[in-house]
C-alpha atoms as a PDB file:
ATOM      1  CA  MET A   1       7.894   3.821 -14.450  1.00  0.00           C
ATOM      2  CA  GLU A   2       9.830   6.562 -16.081  1.00  0.00           C
ATOM      3  CA  ARG A   3       8.550   9.480 -18.010  1.00  0.00           C
ATOM      4  CA  PHE A   4       9.656  12.433 -19.031  1.00  0.00           C
ATOM      5  CA  LEU A   5       9.005  15.595 -16.805  1.00  0.00           C
ATOM      6  CA  GLN A   6       7.320  17.651 -19.475  1.00  0.00           C
ATOM      7  CA  ASP A   7       4.403  14.295 -19.140  1.00  0.00           C
ATOM      8  CA  LEU A   8       3.695  15.396 -15.728  1.00  0.00           C
ATOM      9  CA  LYS A   9       0.458  16.905 -14.798  1.00  0.00           C
ATOM     10  CA  PRO A  10      -0.062  19.923 -12.178  1.00  0.00           C
ATOM     11  CA  GLY A  11       0.075  18.243  -8.399  1.00  0.00           C
ATOM     12  CA  GLU A  12       2.170  15.317  -9.691  1.00  0.00           C
ATOM     13  CA  ARG A  13       5.166  14.473  -7.612  1.00  0.00           C
ATOM     14  CA  ALA A  14       8.350  12.751  -9.112  1.00  0.00           C
ATOM     15  CA  ARG A  15      12.336  11.830  -8.739  1.00  0.00           C
ATOM     16  CA  VAL A  16      14.664  12.928 -11.404  1.00  0.00           C
ATOM     17  CA  GLU A  17      16.326   9.741 -12.759  1.00  0.00           C
ATOM     18  CA  ARG A  18      18.493  11.538 -15.325  1.00  0.00           C
ATOM     19  CA  ILE A  19      18.963  14.138 -17.511  1.00  0.00           C
ATOM     20  CA  GLU A  20      19.961  13.213 -21.305  1.00  0.00           C
ATOM     21  CA  GLY A  21      22.065  15.191 -23.491  1.00  0.00           C
ATOM     22  CA  GLY A  22      24.843  16.974 -22.529  1.00  0.00           C
ATOM     23  CA  GLY A  23      26.615  20.466 -22.447  1.00  0.00           C
ATOM     24  CA  ALA A  24      26.019  23.816 -21.384  1.00  0.00           C
ATOM     25  CA  LEU A  25      21.838  23.073 -21.304  1.00  0.00           C
ATOM     26  CA  ARG A  26      22.688  20.406 -18.804  1.00  0.00           C
ATOM     27  CA  ARG A  27      25.363  22.052 -16.822  1.00  0.00           C
ATOM     28  CA  ARG A  28      22.543  24.794 -16.247  1.00  0.00           C
ATOM     29  CA  MET A  29      20.053  22.794 -15.035  1.00  0.00           C
ATOM     30  CA  MET A  30      22.434  20.838 -12.515  1.00  0.00           C
ATOM     31  CA  ASP A  31      22.885  24.579 -11.638  1.00  0.00           C
ATOM     32  CA  MET A  32      19.406  25.228 -10.403  1.00  0.00           C
ATOM     33  CA  GLY A  33      19.079  22.139  -8.825  1.00  0.00           C
ATOM     34  CA  ILE A  34      17.944  19.289 -11.020  1.00  0.00           C
ATOM     35  CA  VAL A  35      19.942  16.778 -10.110  1.00  0.00           C
ATOM     36  CA  PRO A  36      19.396  13.355 -10.062  1.00  0.00           C
ATOM     37  CA  GLY A  37      17.545  11.784  -6.926  1.00  0.00           C
ATOM     38  CA  VAL A  38      15.988  15.332  -6.322  1.00  0.00           C
ATOM     39  CA  GLU A  39      11.915  15.312  -5.853  1.00  0.00           C
ATOM     40  CA  LEU A  40       9.990  17.878  -7.530  1.00  0.00           C
ATOM     41  CA  GLU A  41       6.533  18.694  -7.998  1.00  0.00           C
ATOM     42  CA  VAL A  42       4.739  20.323 -10.966  1.00  0.00           C
ATOM     43  CA  VAL A  43       2.888  23.082  -9.461  1.00  0.00           C
ATOM     44  CA  ARG A  44       1.549  24.592 -12.885  1.00  0.00           C
ATOM     45  CA  CYS A  45       1.292  24.356 -16.895  1.00  0.00           C
ATOM     46  CA  ALA A  46       1.076  27.175 -18.876  1.00  0.00           C
ATOM     47  CA  PRO A  47      -1.662  26.655 -22.038  1.00  0.00           C
ATOM     48  CA  LEU A  48      -0.613  26.133 -25.423  1.00  0.00           C
ATOM     49  CA  GLY A  49       2.960  24.469 -25.212  1.00  0.00           C
ATOM     50  CA  GLY A  50       4.354  27.092 -22.579  1.00  0.00           C
ATOM     51  CA  PRO A  51       6.704  26.935 -19.295  1.00  0.00           C
ATOM     52  CA  LEU A  52       6.117  24.271 -16.806  1.00  0.00           C
ATOM     53  CA  GLN A  53       6.085  25.807 -12.991  1.00  0.00           C
ATOM     54  CA  LEU A  54       7.757  23.328 -10.802  1.00  0.00           C
ATOM     55  CA  ARG A  55       8.479  23.409  -6.712  1.00  0.00           C
ATOM     56  CA  LEU A  56      12.018  21.894  -5.667  1.00  0.00           C
ATOM     57  CA  LYS A  57      14.206  22.221  -2.832  1.00  0.00           C
ATOM     58  CA  GLY A  58      11.826  25.214  -1.253  1.00  0.00           C
ATOM     59  CA  TYR A  59      11.462  27.135  -4.271  1.00  0.00           C
ATOM     60  CA  TYR A  60       9.633  27.799  -7.837  1.00  0.00           C
ATOM     61  CA  LEU A  61      11.307  27.182 -11.034  1.00  0.00           C
ATOM     62  CA  ALA A  62       9.860  27.898 -14.430  1.00  0.00           C
ATOM     63  CA  MET A  63      11.072  25.472 -17.170  1.00  0.00           C
ATOM     64  CA  ARG A  64      10.664  25.353 -20.983  1.00  0.00           C
ATOM     65  CA  ARG A  65       8.818  22.352 -22.215  1.00  0.00           C
ATOM     66  CA  GLY A  66      11.796  21.691 -24.384  1.00  0.00           C
ATOM     67  CA  GLU A  67      14.185  21.684 -21.457  1.00  0.00           C
ATOM     68  CA  CYS A  68      11.992  19.246 -19.701  1.00  0.00           C
ATOM     69  CA  ALA A  69      11.621  16.616 -22.224  1.00  0.00           C
ATOM     70  CA  LYS A  70      15.410  16.308 -21.813  1.00  0.00           C
ATOM     71  CA  ILE A  71      14.736  15.050 -17.937  1.00  0.00           C
ATOM     72  CA  ILE A  72      13.595  11.758 -17.177  1.00  0.00           C
ATOM     73  CA  VAL A  73      11.950  10.961 -13.674  1.00  0.00           C
ATOM     74  CA  CYS A  74      10.190   8.310 -12.008  1.00  0.00           C
ATOM     75  CA  GLU A  75       6.587   8.972 -10.002  1.00  0.00           C
ATOM     76  CA  THR A  76       6.155   8.973  -6.105  1.00  0.00           C
ATOM     77  CA  ASN A  77       3.627   8.414  -4.106  1.00  0.00           C
ATOM     78  CA  GLN A  78       4.595  10.657  -1.203  1.00  0.00           C
ATOM     79  CA  GLY A  79       1.872  12.889   0.072  1.00  0.00           C
ATOM     80  CA  HIS A  80       3.962  16.188   0.361  1.00  0.00           C
ATOM     81  CA  ILE A  81       7.525  16.670  -0.515  1.00  0.00           C
ATOM     82  CA  GLU A  82       9.339  18.624   2.907  1.00  0.00           C
ATOM     83  CA  HIS A  83      10.985  21.113   2.272  1.00  0.00           C
ATOM     84  CA  SER A  84      14.067  23.222   4.231  1.00  0.00           C
ATOM     85  CA  LEU A  85      12.380  26.087   3.419  1.00  0.00           C
ATOM     86  CA  ALA A  86       8.811  27.727   3.727  1.00  0.00           C
ATOM     87  CA  SER A  87       6.667  27.273   1.362  1.00  0.00           C
ATOM     88  CA  ARG A  88       4.138  30.235  -0.505  1.00  0.00           C
END
């Protein structure tokens, strides 16, 4: 089932399906490693509509909810996402 990244709760894992919109914001997301097919996990959500902390490709990334609203993801049921780098 497709959802927006901003709708995921801490501990949920998903695979990026597509990034809506275009221009500089889309390019910046892709530069940070958010590309279709990548798996990520929501680690924390800041209160009062603050940013989400994500883990993908072995690193942590904080993103504004407005940016997360442009990313369509599909939930995965895998137990743990393996990364080549050690996680904290």
